[in-house]
């Protein structure tokens, strides 16, 4: 589980460094009229760059971080889930061995799906930006659905085959949606989101056994 937290930090750090490097390559003179406007307003370009950097990191945290951390946690989910089960469900029989290829495929599919769905929804976010709290409602509903579904399937597949997992998910889709919104909310809290993969995995293990019993 500690590897998932470390991996999340590394991924997010790489993104921050990349954004900082990109902004450092841009000069005020390279953008038409920007230097003149900043001189007139008495604002330095370095200040604007810093503001853009902070805003960019905040936006990436909200939009991309959940999809990125699921890539990391996907490779360590089995160990994390087994640790939770060993502590809280010691009488359970040995779980289903999930092939590495299946884990990688599921993780990659979800990461791409999150990015695609949020890209499609981005124009709606922009329009609803001026109509709070509808923008936040849309944001959490969409990503809550994705997060709840994927974490449930990842945990369930350790015990059930994909077909059984699909049937169980459909029977409890409402509760999974609510759970997903809660987990995604945690993923958007700075610093706390570094622990979100571990929290989500542990939560979903308990949730899965409560609906599968």
N, C-alpha and C. Protein backbone atom coordinates (compact mmCIF):
# COMPACT_ATOMS: atom_id res chain seq x y z
N UNK A 1 0.83 -1.20 0.00
CA UNK A 1 0.00 0.00 0.00
C UNK A 1 0.87 1.26 0.00
N UNK A 2 2.03 1.15 0.67
CA UNK A 2 2.90 2.33 0.71
C UNK A 2 3.44 2.66 -0.68
N UNK A 3 3.60 1.64 -1.53
CA UNK A 3 4.08 1.87 -2.89
C UNK A 3 3.07 2.70 -3.69
N UNK A 4 1.78 2.49 -3.43
CA UNK A 4 0.78 3.26 -4.17
C UNK A 4 0.84 4.73 -3.82
N UNK A 5 1.08 5.02 -2.52
CA UNK A 5 1.21 6.42 -2.09
C UNK A 5 2.46 7.04 -2.71
N UNK A 6 3.58 6.32 -2.64
CA UNK A 6 4.83 6.82 -3.21
C UNK A 6 4.69 7.02 -4.71
N UNK A 7 4.05 6.09 -5.39
CA UNK A 7 3.86 6.22 -6.83
C UNK A 7 3.01 7.42 -7.18
N UNK A 8 1.97 7.68 -6.38
CA UNK A 8 1.11 8.83 -6.62
C UNK A 8 1.89 10.13 -6.50
N UNK A 9 2.76 10.19 -5.48
CA UNK A 9 3.58 11.39 -5.28
C UNK A 9 4.52 11.59 -6.47
N UNK A 10 5.13 10.50 -6.93
CA UNK A 10 6.08 10.60 -8.04
C UNK A 10 5.38 11.08 -9.31
N UNK A 11 4.22 10.48 -9.62
CA UNK A 11 3.48 10.87 -10.82
C UNK A 11 3.11 12.35 -10.78
N UNK A 12 2.59 12.79 -9.64
CA UNK A 12 2.16 14.18 -9.53
C UNK A 12 3.36 15.13 -9.58
N UNK A 13 4.49 14.73 -9.00
CA UNK A 13 5.70 15.56 -9.04
C UNK A 13 6.20 15.73 -10.47
N UNK A 14 6.16 14.65 -11.25
CA UNK A 14 6.59 14.72 -12.65
C UNK A 14 5.71 15.70 -13.42
N UNK A 15 4.41 15.66 -13.17
CA UNK A 15 3.49 16.59 -13.84
C UNK A 15 3.82 18.03 -13.46
N UNK A 16 4.05 18.27 -12.18
CA UNK A 16 4.36 19.63 -11.72
C UNK A 16 5.65 20.15 -12.34
N UNK A 17 6.68 19.30 -12.39
CA UNK A 17 7.96 19.69 -12.99
C UNK A 17 7.79 19.99 -14.48
N UNK A 18 7.01 19.15 -15.16
CA UNK A 18 6.77 19.37 -16.59
C UNK A 18 6.05 20.68 -16.84
N UNK A 19 5.06 21.00 -16.03
CA UNK A 19 4.33 22.26 -16.19
C UNK A 19 5.23 23.45 -15.90
N UNK A 20 6.06 23.33 -14.86
CA UNK A 20 6.98 24.42 -14.52
C UNK A 20 7.98 24.66 -15.65
N UNK A 21 8.50 23.58 -16.22
CA UNK A 21 9.46 23.71 -17.32
C UNK A 21 8.80 24.37 -18.53
N UNK A 22 7.56 23.97 -18.82
CA UNK A 22 6.84 24.54 -19.96
C UNK A 22 6.66 26.04 -19.79
N UNK A 23 6.26 26.46 -18.61
CA UNK A 23 6.05 27.89 -18.37
C UNK A 23 7.37 28.66 -18.39
N UNK A 24 8.45 28.02 -17.96
CA UNK A 24 9.75 28.70 -17.94
C UNK A 24 10.28 28.96 -19.35
N UNK A 25 9.77 28.27 -20.34
CA UNK A 25 10.21 28.44 -21.73
C UNK A 25 9.44 29.54 -22.45
N UNK A 26 8.43 30.07 -21.78
CA UNK A 26 7.59 31.10 -22.40
C UNK A 26 8.02 32.47 -21.88
N UNK A 27 8.20 33.40 -22.76
CA UNK A 27 8.55 34.77 -22.37
C UNK A 27 7.40 35.70 -22.71
N UNK A 28 7.35 36.82 -22.01
CA UNK A 28 6.27 37.78 -22.26
C UNK A 28 6.34 38.31 -23.68
N UNK A 29 7.56 38.45 -24.22
CA UNK A 29 7.72 39.00 -25.57
C UNK A 29 7.19 38.06 -26.64
N UNK A 30 7.10 36.78 -26.32
CA UNK A 30 6.64 35.81 -27.32
C UNK A 30 5.12 35.83 -27.50
N UNK A 31 4.42 36.51 -26.61
CA UNK A 31 2.96 36.60 -26.70
C UNK A 31 2.60 38.02 -27.11
N UNK A 32 1.95 38.19 -28.26
CA UNK A 32 1.63 39.54 -28.77
C UNK A 32 0.91 40.41 -27.74
N UNK A 33 1.42 41.61 -27.58
CA UNK A 33 0.83 42.66 -26.73
C UNK A 33 0.91 42.36 -25.22
N UNK A 34 1.32 41.17 -24.84
CA UNK A 34 1.30 40.83 -23.41
C UNK A 34 2.29 41.69 -22.63
N UNK A 35 3.51 41.89 -23.16
CA UNK A 35 4.51 42.68 -22.45
C UNK A 35 4.02 44.11 -22.21
N UNK A 36 3.40 44.69 -23.24
CA UNK A 36 2.90 46.07 -23.11
C UNK A 36 1.78 46.16 -22.08
N UNK A 37 0.90 45.18 -22.11
CA UNK A 37 -0.22 45.18 -21.17
C UNK A 37 0.28 45.03 -19.74
N UNK A 38 1.26 44.14 -19.53
CA UNK A 38 1.79 43.94 -18.18
C UNK A 38 2.53 45.16 -17.68
N UNK A 39 3.28 45.84 -18.59
CA UNK A 39 3.96 47.08 -18.20
C UNK A 39 2.95 48.14 -17.80
N UNK A 40 1.87 48.23 -18.53
CA UNK A 40 0.83 49.23 -18.24
C UNK A 40 0.19 48.95 -16.88
N UNK A 41 -0.03 47.66 -16.58
CA UNK A 41 -0.67 47.29 -15.32
C UNK A 41 0.32 47.23 -14.16
N UNK A 42 1.62 47.29 -14.49
CA UNK A 42 2.62 47.22 -13.44
C UNK A 42 2.77 45.82 -12.85
N UNK A 43 2.56 44.81 -13.66
CA UNK A 43 2.62 43.41 -13.21
C UNK A 43 3.77 42.72 -13.93
N UNK A 44 4.56 41.97 -13.18
CA UNK A 44 5.67 41.25 -13.79
C UNK A 44 5.19 39.94 -14.40
N UNK A 45 5.87 39.52 -15.45
CA UNK A 45 5.51 38.27 -16.11
C UNK A 45 5.79 37.07 -15.19
N UNK A 46 6.80 37.20 -14.33
CA UNK A 46 7.11 36.11 -13.39
C UNK A 46 5.93 35.88 -12.44
N UNK A 47 5.28 36.96 -12.05
CA UNK A 47 4.12 36.83 -11.16
C UNK A 47 2.98 36.10 -11.88
N UNK A 48 2.78 36.46 -13.14
CA UNK A 48 1.74 35.80 -13.95
C UNK A 48 2.08 34.33 -14.13
N UNK A 49 3.34 34.04 -14.39
CA UNK A 49 3.76 32.65 -14.56
C UNK A 49 3.51 31.84 -13.31
N UNK A 50 3.82 32.44 -12.16
CA UNK A 50 3.59 31.75 -10.90
C UNK A 50 2.11 31.47 -10.67
N UNK A 51 1.28 32.45 -11.03
CA UNK A 51 -0.16 32.28 -10.88
C UNK A 51 -0.67 31.18 -11.80
N UNK A 52 -0.17 31.19 -13.05
CA UNK A 52 -0.57 30.15 -14.00
C UNK A 52 -0.11 28.77 -13.53
N UNK A 53 1.08 28.72 -12.95
CA UNK A 53 1.61 27.44 -12.46
C UNK A 53 0.72 26.90 -11.34
N UNK A 54 0.38 27.76 -10.39
CA UNK A 54 -0.46 27.33 -9.27
C UNK A 54 -1.84 26.91 -9.77
N UNK A 55 -2.39 27.71 -10.71
CA UNK A 55 -3.71 27.39 -11.25
C UNK A 55 -3.67 26.08 -12.04
N UNK A 56 -2.58 25.91 -12.80
CA UNK A 56 -2.45 24.69 -13.59
C UNK A 56 -2.35 23.46 -12.73
N UNK A 57 -1.57 23.55 -11.65
CA UNK A 57 -1.45 22.42 -10.73
C UNK A 57 -2.79 22.11 -10.08
N UNK A 58 -3.51 23.16 -9.69
CA UNK A 58 -4.84 22.94 -9.10
C UNK A 58 -5.79 22.29 -10.07
N UNK A 59 -5.75 22.74 -11.33
CA UNK A 59 -6.64 22.17 -12.35
C UNK A 59 -6.28 20.71 -12.62
N UNK A 60 -4.98 20.42 -12.74
CA UNK A 60 -4.55 19.04 -12.98
C UNK A 60 -4.91 18.14 -11.81
N UNK A 61 -4.81 18.68 -10.61
CA UNK A 61 -5.19 17.88 -9.44
C UNK A 61 -6.65 17.48 -9.51
N UNK A 62 -7.50 18.43 -9.83
CA UNK A 62 -8.93 18.17 -9.90
C UNK A 62 -9.30 17.28 -11.06
N UNK A 63 -8.66 17.49 -12.21
CA UNK A 63 -9.10 16.82 -13.43
C UNK A 63 -8.39 15.50 -13.69
N UNK A 64 -7.08 15.47 -13.51
CA UNK A 64 -6.30 14.31 -13.94
C UNK A 64 -5.80 13.42 -12.82
N UNK A 65 -5.62 13.96 -11.63
CA UNK A 65 -4.98 13.17 -10.57
C UNK A 65 -5.72 11.87 -10.25
N UNK A 66 -7.05 11.87 -10.15
CA UNK A 66 -7.72 10.59 -9.87
C UNK A 66 -7.43 9.53 -10.92
N UNK A 67 -7.40 9.95 -12.19
CA UNK A 67 -7.11 8.98 -13.24
C UNK A 67 -5.67 8.49 -13.20
N UNK A 68 -4.75 9.35 -12.76
CA UNK A 68 -3.35 8.96 -12.70
C UNK A 68 -3.06 8.04 -11.52
N UNK A 69 -3.66 8.33 -10.38
CA UNK A 69 -3.37 7.50 -9.22
C UNK A 69 -3.95 6.10 -9.38
N UNK A 70 -5.04 5.97 -10.14
CA UNK A 70 -5.60 4.63 -10.34
C UNK A 70 -4.64 3.77 -11.15
N UNK A 71 -3.83 4.40 -12.02
CA UNK A 71 -2.81 3.64 -12.75
C UNK A 71 -1.81 3.05 -11.76
N UNK A 72 -1.39 3.87 -10.82
CA UNK A 72 -0.41 3.42 -9.84
C UNK A 72 -1.00 2.35 -8.92
N UNK A 73 -2.16 2.64 -8.34
CA UNK A 73 -2.74 1.71 -7.38
C UNK A 73 -3.15 0.41 -8.04
N UNK A 74 -3.43 0.45 -9.35
CA UNK A 74 -3.84 -0.76 -10.04
C UNK A 74 -2.80 -1.85 -9.98
N UNK A 75 -1.52 -1.47 -9.96
CA UNK A 75 -0.45 -2.45 -9.91
C UNK A 75 -0.22 -3.01 -8.51
N UNK A 76 -0.74 -2.31 -7.49
CA UNK A 76 -0.52 -2.74 -6.12
C UNK A 76 -1.84 -3.08 -5.42
N UNK A 77 -2.94 -3.04 -6.15
CA UNK A 77 -4.25 -3.23 -5.55
C UNK A 77 -4.39 -4.59 -4.90
N UNK A 78 -3.90 -5.62 -5.57
CA UNK A 78 -4.07 -6.97 -5.04
C UNK A 78 -3.42 -7.11 -3.66
N UNK A 79 -2.21 -6.59 -3.50
CA UNK A 79 -1.54 -6.66 -2.20
C UNK A 79 -2.28 -5.84 -1.15
N UNK A 80 -2.75 -4.66 -1.55
CA UNK A 80 -3.47 -3.80 -0.62
C UNK A 80 -4.77 -4.46 -0.17
N UNK A 81 -5.53 -5.01 -1.12
CA UNK A 81 -6.80 -5.66 -0.80
C UNK A 81 -6.58 -6.89 0.08
N UNK A 82 -5.55 -7.66 -0.22
CA UNK A 82 -5.25 -8.85 0.59
C UNK A 82 -4.88 -8.47 2.01
N UNK A 83 -4.16 -7.36 2.17
CA UNK A 83 -3.78 -6.92 3.50
C UNK A 83 -5.01 -6.53 4.32
N UNK A 84 -5.95 -5.85 3.67
CA UNK A 84 -7.19 -5.46 4.36
C UNK A 84 -8.01 -6.69 4.72
N UNK A 85 -8.11 -7.64 3.77
CA UNK A 85 -8.88 -8.86 4.04
C UNK A 85 -8.24 -9.69 5.15
N UNK A 86 -6.92 -9.77 5.16
CA UNK A 86 -6.23 -10.56 6.18
C UNK A 86 -6.49 -10.01 7.58
N UNK A 87 -6.63 -8.70 7.67
CA UNK A 87 -6.83 -8.07 8.97
C UNK A 87 -8.29 -8.11 9.40
N UNK A 88 -9.21 -7.85 8.47
CA UNK A 88 -10.62 -7.70 8.84
C UNK A 88 -11.49 -8.90 8.47
N UNK A 89 -11.01 -9.74 7.55
CA UNK A 89 -11.77 -10.92 7.14
C UNK A 89 -10.84 -12.15 7.11
N UNK A 90 -10.28 -12.52 8.25
CA UNK A 90 -9.26 -13.58 8.29
C UNK A 90 -9.79 -14.97 7.94
N UNK A 91 -11.11 -15.18 8.02
CA UNK A 91 -11.67 -16.51 7.77
C UNK A 91 -12.01 -16.76 6.30
N UNK A 92 -11.79 -15.78 5.45
CA UNK A 92 -12.12 -15.95 4.03
C UNK A 92 -11.16 -16.94 3.36
N UNK A 93 -11.67 -17.72 2.41
CA UNK A 93 -10.78 -18.60 1.65
C UNK A 93 -9.88 -17.77 0.73
N UNK A 94 -8.88 -18.44 0.18
CA UNK A 94 -7.95 -17.76 -0.71
C UNK A 94 -8.69 -17.19 -1.91
N UNK A 95 -8.36 -15.96 -2.29
CA UNK A 95 -9.04 -15.29 -3.39
C UNK A 95 -8.58 -15.77 -4.75
N UNK A 96 -9.24 -15.23 -5.76
CA UNK A 96 -8.93 -15.58 -7.15
C UNK A 96 -7.62 -14.92 -7.56
N UNK A 97 -6.76 -15.67 -8.21
CA UNK A 97 -5.50 -15.12 -8.71
C UNK A 97 -5.78 -14.32 -9.98
N UNK A 98 -5.50 -13.04 -9.94
CA UNK A 98 -5.77 -12.16 -11.07
C UNK A 98 -4.51 -11.99 -11.91
N UNK A 99 -4.54 -12.39 -13.18
CA UNK A 99 -3.35 -12.27 -14.03
C UNK A 99 -2.90 -10.82 -14.16
N UNK A 100 -1.58 -10.64 -14.26
CA UNK A 100 -1.02 -9.29 -14.39
C UNK A 100 -1.56 -8.60 -15.64
N UNK A 101 -1.77 -9.37 -16.70
CA UNK A 101 -2.29 -8.78 -17.94
C UNK A 101 -3.69 -8.23 -17.72
N UNK A 102 -4.49 -8.94 -16.95
CA UNK A 102 -5.86 -8.48 -16.67
C UNK A 102 -5.83 -7.20 -15.84
N UNK A 103 -4.93 -7.13 -14.86
CA UNK A 103 -4.81 -5.93 -14.03
C UNK A 103 -4.38 -4.74 -14.88
N UNK A 104 -3.37 -4.94 -15.71
CA UNK A 104 -2.86 -3.86 -16.55
C UNK A 104 -3.94 -3.37 -17.52
N UNK A 105 -4.66 -4.30 -18.13
CA UNK A 105 -5.69 -3.94 -19.09
C UNK A 105 -6.80 -3.14 -18.42
N UNK A 106 -7.24 -3.60 -17.26
CA UNK A 106 -8.31 -2.90 -16.55
C UNK A 106 -7.88 -1.52 -16.10
N UNK A 107 -6.65 -1.42 -15.58
CA UNK A 107 -6.13 -0.15 -15.11
C UNK A 107 -5.98 0.85 -16.25
N UNK A 108 -5.41 0.41 -17.35
CA UNK A 108 -5.20 1.28 -18.50
C UNK A 108 -6.54 1.73 -19.08
N UNK A 109 -7.49 0.81 -19.15
CA UNK A 109 -8.81 1.14 -19.69
C UNK A 109 -9.47 2.22 -18.85
N UNK A 110 -9.37 2.10 -17.54
CA UNK A 110 -10.00 3.08 -16.68
C UNK A 110 -9.33 4.45 -16.79
N UNK A 111 -7.99 4.45 -16.81
CA UNK A 111 -7.27 5.71 -16.92
C UNK A 111 -7.64 6.44 -18.21
N UNK A 112 -7.73 5.71 -19.31
CA UNK A 112 -8.11 6.31 -20.59
C UNK A 112 -9.56 6.79 -20.55
N UNK A 113 -10.41 6.01 -19.90
CA UNK A 113 -11.82 6.38 -19.81
C UNK A 113 -12.01 7.66 -19.01
N UNK A 114 -11.29 7.77 -17.91
CA UNK A 114 -11.38 8.99 -17.09
C UNK A 114 -10.95 10.22 -17.89
N UNK A 115 -9.82 10.09 -18.59
CA UNK A 115 -9.32 11.21 -19.38
C UNK A 115 -10.30 11.58 -20.50
N UNK A 116 -10.84 10.56 -21.17
CA UNK A 116 -11.76 10.80 -22.28
C UNK A 116 -13.05 11.46 -21.80
N UNK A 117 -13.63 10.91 -20.74
CA UNK A 117 -14.90 11.45 -20.24
C UNK A 117 -14.73 12.88 -19.75
N UNK A 118 -13.63 13.16 -19.05
CA UNK A 118 -13.43 14.52 -18.56
C UNK A 118 -13.13 15.49 -19.70
N UNK A 119 -12.48 15.01 -20.75
CA UNK A 119 -12.23 15.86 -21.91
C UNK A 119 -13.55 16.22 -22.59
N UNK A 120 -14.42 15.24 -22.74
CA UNK A 120 -15.73 15.48 -23.35
C UNK A 120 -16.57 16.42 -22.48
N UNK A 121 -16.46 16.23 -21.16
CA UNK A 121 -17.27 17.04 -20.24
C UNK A 121 -16.70 18.43 -20.02
N UNK A 122 -15.45 18.66 -20.44
CA UNK A 122 -14.79 19.94 -20.18
C UNK A 122 -15.60 21.14 -20.67
N UNK A 123 -16.17 21.13 -21.91
CA UNK A 123 -16.98 22.28 -22.33
C UNK A 123 -18.16 22.55 -21.40
N UNK A 124 -18.75 21.49 -20.87
CA UNK A 124 -19.86 21.66 -19.94
C UNK A 124 -19.38 22.26 -18.62
N UNK A 125 -18.16 21.84 -18.20
CA UNK A 125 -17.59 22.43 -17.00
C UNK A 125 -17.38 23.93 -17.19
N UNK A 126 -16.89 24.30 -18.38
CA UNK A 126 -16.62 25.71 -18.66
C UNK A 126 -17.92 26.52 -18.64
N UNK A 127 -18.96 25.99 -19.29
CA UNK A 127 -20.25 26.68 -19.33
C UNK A 127 -20.84 26.81 -17.92
N UNK A 128 -20.76 25.71 -17.17
CA UNK A 128 -21.34 25.71 -15.83
C UNK A 128 -20.46 26.40 -14.80
N UNK A 129 -19.27 26.84 -15.24
CA UNK A 129 -18.38 27.55 -14.32
C UNK A 129 -19.06 28.79 -13.76
N UNK A 130 -19.93 29.38 -14.55
CA UNK A 130 -20.63 30.59 -14.13
C UNK A 130 -21.95 30.26 -13.44
N UNK A 131 -22.23 28.97 -13.24
CA UNK A 131 -23.48 28.58 -12.59
C UNK A 131 -23.17 27.62 -11.43
N UNK A 132 -22.42 28.08 -10.45
CA UNK A 132 -22.16 27.20 -9.30
C UNK A 132 -23.46 27.00 -8.51
N UNK A 133 -23.66 25.87 -7.87
CA UNK A 133 -22.73 24.75 -7.75
C UNK A 133 -22.97 23.66 -8.81
N UNK A 134 -23.65 23.99 -9.90
CA UNK A 134 -23.93 22.97 -10.91
C UNK A 134 -22.65 22.40 -11.50
N UNK A 135 -21.61 23.24 -11.61
CA UNK A 135 -20.34 22.75 -12.17
C UNK A 135 -19.74 21.67 -11.28
N UNK A 136 -19.78 21.88 -9.96
CA UNK A 136 -19.24 20.89 -9.04
C UNK A 136 -20.10 19.63 -9.00
N UNK A 137 -21.40 19.81 -9.11
CA UNK A 137 -22.30 18.66 -9.11
C UNK A 137 -22.01 17.75 -10.30
N UNK A 138 -21.86 18.35 -11.50
CA UNK A 138 -21.53 17.58 -12.69
C UNK A 138 -20.18 16.89 -12.53
N UNK A 139 -19.22 17.63 -12.03
CA UNK A 139 -17.86 17.11 -11.86
C UNK A 139 -17.84 15.88 -10.96
N UNK A 140 -18.53 15.95 -9.83
CA UNK A 140 -18.50 14.84 -8.88
C UNK A 140 -19.38 13.68 -9.32
N UNK A 141 -20.47 13.95 -10.01
CA UNK A 141 -21.33 12.87 -10.49
C UNK A 141 -20.60 12.04 -11.54
N UNK A 142 -20.00 12.72 -12.51
CA UNK A 142 -19.31 12.01 -13.60
C UNK A 142 -18.13 11.20 -13.06
N UNK A 143 -17.27 11.85 -12.31
CA UNK A 143 -16.08 11.17 -11.83
C UNK A 143 -16.39 10.22 -10.67
N UNK A 144 -17.44 10.51 -9.93
CA UNK A 144 -17.86 9.59 -8.88
C UNK A 144 -18.34 8.28 -9.46
N UNK A 145 -19.05 8.35 -10.55
CA UNK A 145 -19.49 7.13 -11.23
C UNK A 145 -18.30 6.30 -11.71
N UNK A 146 -17.36 6.97 -12.35
CA UNK A 146 -16.19 6.27 -12.88
C UNK A 146 -15.35 5.66 -11.75
N UNK A 147 -15.13 6.44 -10.70
CA UNK A 147 -14.29 5.97 -9.60
C UNK A 147 -14.94 4.81 -8.87
N UNK A 148 -16.22 4.96 -8.54
CA UNK A 148 -16.91 3.89 -7.83
C UNK A 148 -16.95 2.61 -8.63
N UNK A 149 -17.24 2.73 -9.90
CA UNK A 149 -17.32 1.55 -10.75
C UNK A 149 -15.98 0.84 -10.86
N UNK A 150 -14.92 1.60 -11.09
CA UNK A 150 -13.63 0.97 -11.31
C UNK A 150 -13.07 0.33 -10.05
N UNK A 151 -13.15 1.04 -8.93
CA UNK A 151 -12.64 0.46 -7.70
C UNK A 151 -13.43 -0.78 -7.30
N UNK A 152 -14.74 -0.74 -7.52
CA UNK A 152 -15.55 -1.90 -7.19
C UNK A 152 -15.17 -3.09 -8.06
N UNK A 153 -14.99 -2.85 -9.35
CA UNK A 153 -14.63 -3.94 -10.25
C UNK A 153 -13.25 -4.49 -9.94
N UNK A 154 -12.31 -3.61 -9.62
CA UNK A 154 -10.97 -4.06 -9.31
C UNK A 154 -10.95 -4.95 -8.06
N UNK A 155 -11.68 -4.56 -7.04
CA UNK A 155 -11.74 -5.34 -5.81
C UNK A 155 -12.54 -6.63 -6.03
N UNK A 156 -13.68 -6.50 -6.70
CA UNK A 156 -14.54 -7.67 -6.91
C UNK A 156 -13.86 -8.74 -7.75
N UNK A 157 -13.07 -8.31 -8.72
CA UNK A 157 -12.40 -9.28 -9.60
C UNK A 157 -11.36 -10.13 -8.88
N UNK A 158 -11.01 -9.74 -7.67
CA UNK A 158 -10.10 -10.57 -6.88
C UNK A 158 -10.82 -11.77 -6.28
N UNK A 159 -12.16 -11.72 -6.27
CA UNK A 159 -12.96 -12.80 -5.71
C UNK A 159 -13.90 -13.44 -6.74
N UNK A 160 -14.37 -12.64 -7.67
CA UNK A 160 -15.33 -13.12 -8.65
C UNK A 160 -14.77 -12.96 -10.06
N UNK A 161 -15.31 -13.73 -10.99
CA UNK A 161 -14.90 -13.54 -12.38
C UNK A 161 -15.60 -12.29 -12.93
N UNK A 162 -15.11 -11.74 -14.04
CA UNK A 162 -15.65 -10.48 -14.57
C UNK A 162 -17.17 -10.49 -14.80
N UNK A 163 -17.73 -11.61 -15.22
CA UNK A 163 -19.17 -11.68 -15.46
C UNK A 163 -19.95 -11.57 -14.15
N UNK A 164 -19.49 -12.25 -13.12
CA UNK A 164 -20.14 -12.17 -11.81
C UNK A 164 -20.01 -10.77 -11.23
N UNK A 165 -18.85 -10.18 -11.44
CA UNK A 165 -18.63 -8.81 -10.98
C UNK A 165 -19.60 -7.85 -11.64
N UNK A 166 -19.80 -8.00 -12.94
CA UNK A 166 -20.72 -7.13 -13.68
C UNK A 166 -22.15 -7.25 -13.16
N UNK A 167 -22.58 -8.46 -12.90
CA UNK A 167 -23.94 -8.67 -12.38
C UNK A 167 -24.11 -8.06 -10.99
N UNK A 168 -23.11 -8.25 -10.13
CA UNK A 168 -23.17 -7.69 -8.78
C UNK A 168 -23.15 -6.17 -8.83
N UNK A 169 -22.34 -5.62 -9.71
CA UNK A 169 -22.27 -4.15 -9.83
C UNK A 169 -23.60 -3.57 -10.26
N UNK A 170 -24.27 -4.21 -11.20
CA UNK A 170 -25.55 -3.71 -11.69
C UNK A 170 -26.62 -3.76 -10.60
N UNK A 171 -26.55 -4.76 -9.72
CA UNK A 171 -27.55 -4.87 -8.66
C UNK A 171 -27.37 -3.79 -7.60
N UNK A 172 -26.17 -3.24 -7.51
CA UNK A 172 -25.89 -2.25 -6.46
C UNK A 172 -25.34 -0.95 -7.05
N UNK A 173 -25.76 -0.63 -8.26
CA UNK A 173 -25.19 0.52 -8.95
C UNK A 173 -25.43 1.84 -8.21
N UNK A 174 -26.59 1.97 -7.55
CA UNK A 174 -26.88 3.20 -6.83
C UNK A 174 -25.93 3.43 -5.67
N UNK A 175 -25.71 2.39 -4.88
CA UNK A 175 -24.80 2.50 -3.74
C UNK A 175 -23.36 2.68 -4.21
N UNK A 176 -23.01 2.05 -5.30
CA UNK A 176 -21.65 2.20 -5.84
C UNK A 176 -21.44 3.63 -6.33
N UNK A 177 -22.47 4.22 -6.92
CA UNK A 177 -22.37 5.61 -7.37
C UNK A 177 -22.12 6.54 -6.19
N UNK A 178 -22.88 6.35 -5.12
CA UNK A 178 -22.71 7.20 -3.93
C UNK A 178 -21.32 7.00 -3.32
N UNK A 179 -20.89 5.74 -3.26
CA UNK A 179 -19.56 5.46 -2.73
C UNK A 179 -18.48 6.11 -3.59
N UNK A 180 -18.68 6.06 -4.91
CA UNK A 180 -17.73 6.66 -5.83
C UNK A 180 -17.62 8.16 -5.66
N UNK A 181 -18.74 8.83 -5.45
CA UNK A 181 -18.72 10.28 -5.23
C UNK A 181 -17.93 10.61 -3.97
N UNK A 182 -18.16 9.83 -2.91
CA UNK A 182 -17.43 10.05 -1.67
C UNK A 182 -15.92 9.86 -1.86
N UNK A 183 -15.55 8.78 -2.55
CA UNK A 183 -14.13 8.50 -2.77
C UNK A 183 -13.50 9.56 -3.66
N UNK A 184 -14.23 9.99 -4.68
CA UNK A 184 -13.68 10.99 -5.58
C UNK A 184 -13.51 12.33 -4.87
N UNK A 185 -14.42 12.63 -3.96
CA UNK A 185 -14.27 13.86 -3.17
C UNK A 185 -12.97 13.83 -2.39
N UNK A 186 -12.65 12.68 -1.80
CA UNK A 186 -11.39 12.53 -1.07
C UNK A 186 -10.21 12.74 -2.01
N UNK A 187 -10.34 12.26 -3.25
CA UNK A 187 -9.26 12.37 -4.22
C UNK A 187 -8.99 13.81 -4.65
N UNK A 188 -9.92 14.71 -4.40
CA UNK A 188 -9.73 16.10 -4.81
C UNK A 188 -9.28 16.99 -3.65
N UNK A 189 -9.02 16.40 -2.50
CA UNK A 189 -8.53 17.18 -1.36
C UNK A 189 -7.00 17.15 -1.38
N UNK A 190 -6.36 18.31 -1.52
CA UNK A 190 -4.89 18.33 -1.56
C UNK A 190 -4.27 17.62 -0.36
N UNK A 191 -3.16 16.95 -0.59
CA UNK A 191 -2.41 16.18 0.41
C UNK A 191 -3.15 14.90 0.75
N UNK A 192 -4.42 15.02 1.13
CA UNK A 192 -5.21 13.83 1.45
C UNK A 192 -5.31 12.92 0.23
N UNK A 193 -5.34 13.53 -0.97
CA UNK A 193 -5.47 12.71 -2.18
C UNK A 193 -4.27 11.79 -2.41
N UNK A 194 -3.17 12.07 -1.75
CA UNK A 194 -2.02 11.17 -1.87
C UNK A 194 -2.31 9.82 -1.20
N UNK A 195 -3.18 9.83 -0.23
CA UNK A 195 -3.57 8.59 0.46
C UNK A 195 -4.85 7.99 -0.11
N UNK A 196 -5.45 8.69 -1.07
CA UNK A 196 -6.75 8.27 -1.60
C UNK A 196 -6.76 6.85 -2.16
N UNK A 197 -5.74 6.40 -2.89
CA UNK A 197 -5.77 5.02 -3.39
C UNK A 197 -5.88 3.98 -2.29
N UNK A 198 -5.15 4.20 -1.20
CA UNK A 198 -5.20 3.27 -0.07
C UNK A 198 -6.57 3.31 0.60
N UNK A 199 -7.07 4.51 0.82
CA UNK A 199 -8.38 4.68 1.45
C UNK A 199 -9.47 4.04 0.60
N UNK A 200 -9.44 4.31 -0.70
CA UNK A 200 -10.46 3.79 -1.60
C UNK A 200 -10.43 2.27 -1.67
N UNK A 201 -9.22 1.71 -1.70
CA UNK A 201 -9.09 0.26 -1.76
C UNK A 201 -9.65 -0.39 -0.50
N UNK A 202 -9.27 0.13 0.66
CA UNK A 202 -9.76 -0.43 1.92
C UNK A 202 -11.28 -0.29 2.03
N UNK A 203 -11.78 0.87 1.64
CA UNK A 203 -13.22 1.09 1.69
C UNK A 203 -13.97 0.11 0.80
N UNK A 204 -13.47 -0.06 -0.42
CA UNK A 204 -14.16 -0.93 -1.37
C UNK A 204 -14.09 -2.41 -0.98
N UNK A 205 -13.04 -2.81 -0.30
CA UNK A 205 -12.98 -4.19 0.19
C UNK A 205 -14.12 -4.43 1.18
N UNK A 206 -14.30 -3.51 2.11
CA UNK A 206 -15.40 -3.63 3.07
C UNK A 206 -16.75 -3.54 2.37
N UNK A 207 -16.85 -2.63 1.43
CA UNK A 207 -18.12 -2.46 0.71
C UNK A 207 -18.46 -3.72 -0.08
N UNK A 208 -17.48 -4.27 -0.77
CA UNK A 208 -17.71 -5.46 -1.58
C UNK A 208 -18.22 -6.62 -0.71
N UNK A 209 -17.60 -6.86 0.42
CA UNK A 209 -18.00 -7.98 1.26
C UNK A 209 -19.36 -7.74 1.92
N UNK A 210 -19.74 -6.47 2.05
CA UNK A 210 -21.06 -6.19 2.63
C UNK A 210 -22.18 -6.48 1.63
N UNK A 211 -21.92 -6.29 0.34
CA UNK A 211 -22.96 -6.54 -0.66
C UNK A 211 -22.88 -7.95 -1.23
N UNK A 212 -21.74 -8.62 -1.04
CA UNK A 212 -21.58 -9.97 -1.59
C UNK A 212 -21.96 -11.05 -0.58
N UNK A 213 -22.21 -10.64 0.66
CA UNK A 213 -22.52 -11.63 1.70
C UNK A 213 -23.96 -12.12 1.59
